[in-house]
Amino acid sequence: MRFTADARVIIGEYAGGAIAVGHVLATRAGDGSSLELLYQGATTTGEIGAGRATARFTSDPDDGLRMHLDWQWLTGEPATGQSEWVAV
């Protein structure tokens, strides 16, 4: 994942596993410790999808920064879930 940000808007790109390419557009929410995200991606088999998520951040001394996501697909089969990303 790669992210760039200004005072309010975050733009990201991601890929890996079944995702050939993906993009994220996010804004800081509340006190800035969480994000509201919209994402879209294309799989290695040519499927596309889009969704939304809320992210919050925590840190720990062993793994560094963690992003906890509550997500929901907006296209295809309706699904919700939780994911966690660790910055290393």
C-alpha atoms as a PDB file:
ATOM      1  CA  MET A   1       0.000   0.000   0.000  1.00  0.00           C
ATOM      2  CA  ARG A   2       1.082   3.531  -0.706  1.00  0.00           C
ATOM      3  CA  PHE A   3      -0.640   6.612   0.670  1.00  0.00           C
ATOM      4  CA  THR A   4      -0.301  10.356   0.153  1.00  0.00           C
ATOM      5  CA  ALA A   5      -2.144  12.961   2.195  1.00  0.00           C
ATOM      6  CA  ASP A   6      -2.749  16.639   2.666  1.00  0.00           C
ATOM      7  CA  ALA A   7      -4.569  18.315   5.565  1.00  0.00           C
ATOM      8  CA  ARG A   8      -7.868  16.472   4.928  1.00  0.00           C
ATOM      9  CA  VAL A   9      -7.684  14.056   1.977  1.00  0.00           C
ATOM     10  CA  ILE A  10      -5.784  10.764   1.731  1.00  0.00           C
ATOM     11  CA  ILE A  11      -5.234   8.945  -1.572  1.00  0.00           C
ATOM     12  CA  GLY A  12      -3.940   5.392  -1.695  1.00  0.00           C
ATOM     13  CA  GLU A  13      -3.058   2.573  -4.055  1.00  0.00           C
ATOM     14  CA  TYR A  14      -2.889  -1.102  -3.170  1.00  0.00           C
ATOM     15  CA  ALA A  15      -2.313  -4.496  -4.794  1.00  0.00           C
ATOM     16  CA  GLY A  16      -1.548  -8.028  -3.730  1.00  0.00           C
ATOM     17  CA  GLY A  17      -3.038 -11.485  -3.574  1.00  0.00           C
ATOM     18  CA  ALA A  18      -6.171 -11.571  -5.724  1.00  0.00           C
ATOM     19  CA  ILE A  19      -6.162  -7.754  -6.133  1.00  0.00           C
ATOM     20  CA  ALA A  20      -4.423  -6.612  -9.315  1.00  0.00           C
ATOM     21  CA  VAL A  21      -4.935  -2.905  -8.580  1.00  0.00           C
ATOM     22  CA  GLY A  22      -6.942  -0.883  -6.091  1.00  0.00           C
ATOM     23  CA  HIS A  23      -7.471   2.738  -5.120  1.00  0.00           C
ATOM     24  CA  VAL A  24      -8.556   4.420  -1.881  1.00  0.00           C
ATOM     25  CA  LEU A  25      -9.963   7.908  -1.274  1.00  0.00           C
ATOM     26  CA  ALA A  26     -10.341   8.883   2.379  1.00  0.00           C
ATOM     27  CA  THR A  27     -10.926  11.825   4.672  1.00  0.00           C
ATOM     28  CA  ARG A  28     -10.071  12.264   8.310  1.00  0.00           C
ATOM     29  CA  ALA A  29     -13.081  11.994  10.604  1.00  0.00           C
ATOM     30  CA  GLY A  30     -13.707  13.529  14.005  1.00  0.00           C
ATOM     31  CA  ASP A  31     -10.491  14.361  15.858  1.00  0.00           C
ATOM     32  CA  GLY A  32      -8.345  12.923  13.039  1.00  0.00           C
ATOM     33  CA  SER A  33      -7.736   9.549  14.689  1.00  0.00           C
ATOM     34  CA  SER A  34     -10.094   7.787  12.276  1.00  0.00           C
ATOM     35  CA  LEU A  35     -10.778   7.793   8.537  1.00  0.00           C
ATOM     36  CA  GLU A  36     -13.808   7.416   6.290  1.00  0.00           C
ATOM     37  CA  LEU A  37     -12.722   5.503   3.156  1.00  0.00           C
ATOM     38  CA  LEU A  38     -14.104   4.660  -0.256  1.00  0.00           C
ATOM     39  CA  TYR A  39     -12.231   1.961  -2.176  1.00  0.00           C
ATOM     40  CA  GLN A  40     -12.356   0.265  -5.553  1.00  0.00           C
ATOM     41  CA  GLY A  41     -10.333  -2.527  -7.028  1.00  0.00           C
ATOM     42  CA  ALA A  42      -9.900  -5.007  -9.852  1.00  0.00           C
ATOM     43  CA  THR A  43      -9.011  -8.648  -9.255  1.00  0.00           C
ATOM     44  CA  THR A  44      -6.516 -10.712 -11.196  1.00  0.00           C
ATOM     45  CA  THR A  45      -9.503 -12.417 -12.890  1.00  0.00           C
ATOM     46  CA  GLY A  46     -10.942  -9.091 -14.102  1.00  0.00           C
ATOM     47  CA  GLU A  47     -13.725  -8.572 -11.563  1.00  0.00           C
ATOM     48  CA  ILE A  48     -14.238  -5.079 -10.152  1.00  0.00           C
ATOM     49  CA  GLY A  49     -15.733  -3.993  -6.860  1.00  0.00           C
ATOM     50  CA  ALA A  50     -16.209  -0.958  -4.645  1.00  0.00           C
ATOM     51  CA  GLY A  51     -16.857  -0.435  -0.971  1.00  0.00           C
ATOM     52  CA  ARG A  52     -16.598   1.819   2.040  1.00  0.00           C
ATOM     53  CA  ALA A  53     -14.892   1.533   5.393  1.00  0.00           C
ATOM     54  CA  THR A  54     -14.207   3.285   8.657  1.00  0.00           C
ATOM     55  CA  ALA A  55     -10.659   2.990   9.954  1.00  0.00           C
ATOM     56  CA  ARG A  56      -9.137   3.683  13.347  1.00  0.00           C
ATOM     57  CA  PHE A  57      -5.483   3.544  14.310  1.00  0.00           C
ATOM     58  CA  THR A  58      -3.617   2.026  17.220  1.00  0.00           C
ATOM     59  CA  SER A  59       0.058   1.534  17.913  1.00  0.00           C
ATOM     60  CA  ASP A  60       1.992  -1.055  19.816  1.00  0.00           C
ATOM     61  CA  PRO A  61       5.717  -1.325  20.565  1.00  0.00           C
ATOM     62  CA  ASP A  62       6.224  -4.605  18.674  1.00  0.00           C
ATOM     63  CA  ASP A  63       4.364  -4.095  15.394  1.00  0.00           C
ATOM     64  CA  GLY A  64       4.186  -0.323  14.990  1.00  0.00           C
ATOM     65  CA  LEU A  65       1.052   1.239  13.514  1.00  0.00           C
ATOM     66  CA  ARG A  66      -2.147  -0.791  13.018  1.00  0.00           C
ATOM     67  CA  MET A  67      -5.206   0.244  11.031  1.00  0.00           C
ATOM     68  CA  HIS A  68      -8.471  -1.463  12.082  1.00  0.00           C
ATOM     69  CA  LEU A  69     -11.159  -1.413   9.375  1.00  0.00           C
ATOM     70  CA  ASP A  70     -14.908  -1.992   9.518  1.00  0.00           C
ATOM     71  CA  TRP A  71     -15.810  -2.443   5.851  1.00  0.00           C
ATOM     72  CA  GLN A  72     -18.803  -2.979   3.578  1.00  0.00           C
ATOM     73  CA  TRP A  73     -18.956  -3.871  -0.111  1.00  0.00           C
ATOM     74  CA  LEU A  74     -21.193  -1.552  -2.147  1.00  0.00           C
ATOM     75  CA  THR A  75     -21.111  -3.698  -5.315  1.00  0.00           C
ATOM     76  CA  GLY A  76     -21.730  -7.383  -5.927  1.00  0.00           C
ATOM     77  CA  GLU A  77     -22.884  -9.591  -3.085  1.00  0.00           C
ATOM     78  CA  PRO A  78     -23.535  -7.541   0.058  1.00  0.00           C
ATOM     79  CA  ALA A  79     -20.908  -8.274   2.683  1.00  0.00           C
ATOM     80  CA  THR A  80     -19.436  -6.616   5.742  1.00  0.00           C
ATOM     81  CA  GLY A  81     -16.429  -7.444   7.838  1.00  0.00           C
ATOM     82  CA  GLN A  82     -13.389  -6.335   9.739  1.00  0.00           C
ATOM     83  CA  SER A  83      -9.745  -6.257   8.681  1.00  0.00           C
ATOM     84  CA  GLU A  84      -6.501  -5.143  10.201  1.00  0.00           C
ATOM     85  CA  TRP A  85      -3.448  -3.750   8.398  1.00  0.00           C
ATOM     86  CA  VAL A  86      -0.051  -3.434  10.031  1.00  0.00           C
ATOM     87  CA  ALA A  87       2.559  -0.931   8.823  1.00  0.00           C
ATOM     88  CA  VAL A  88       5.991  -2.534   8.955  1.00  0.00           C
END
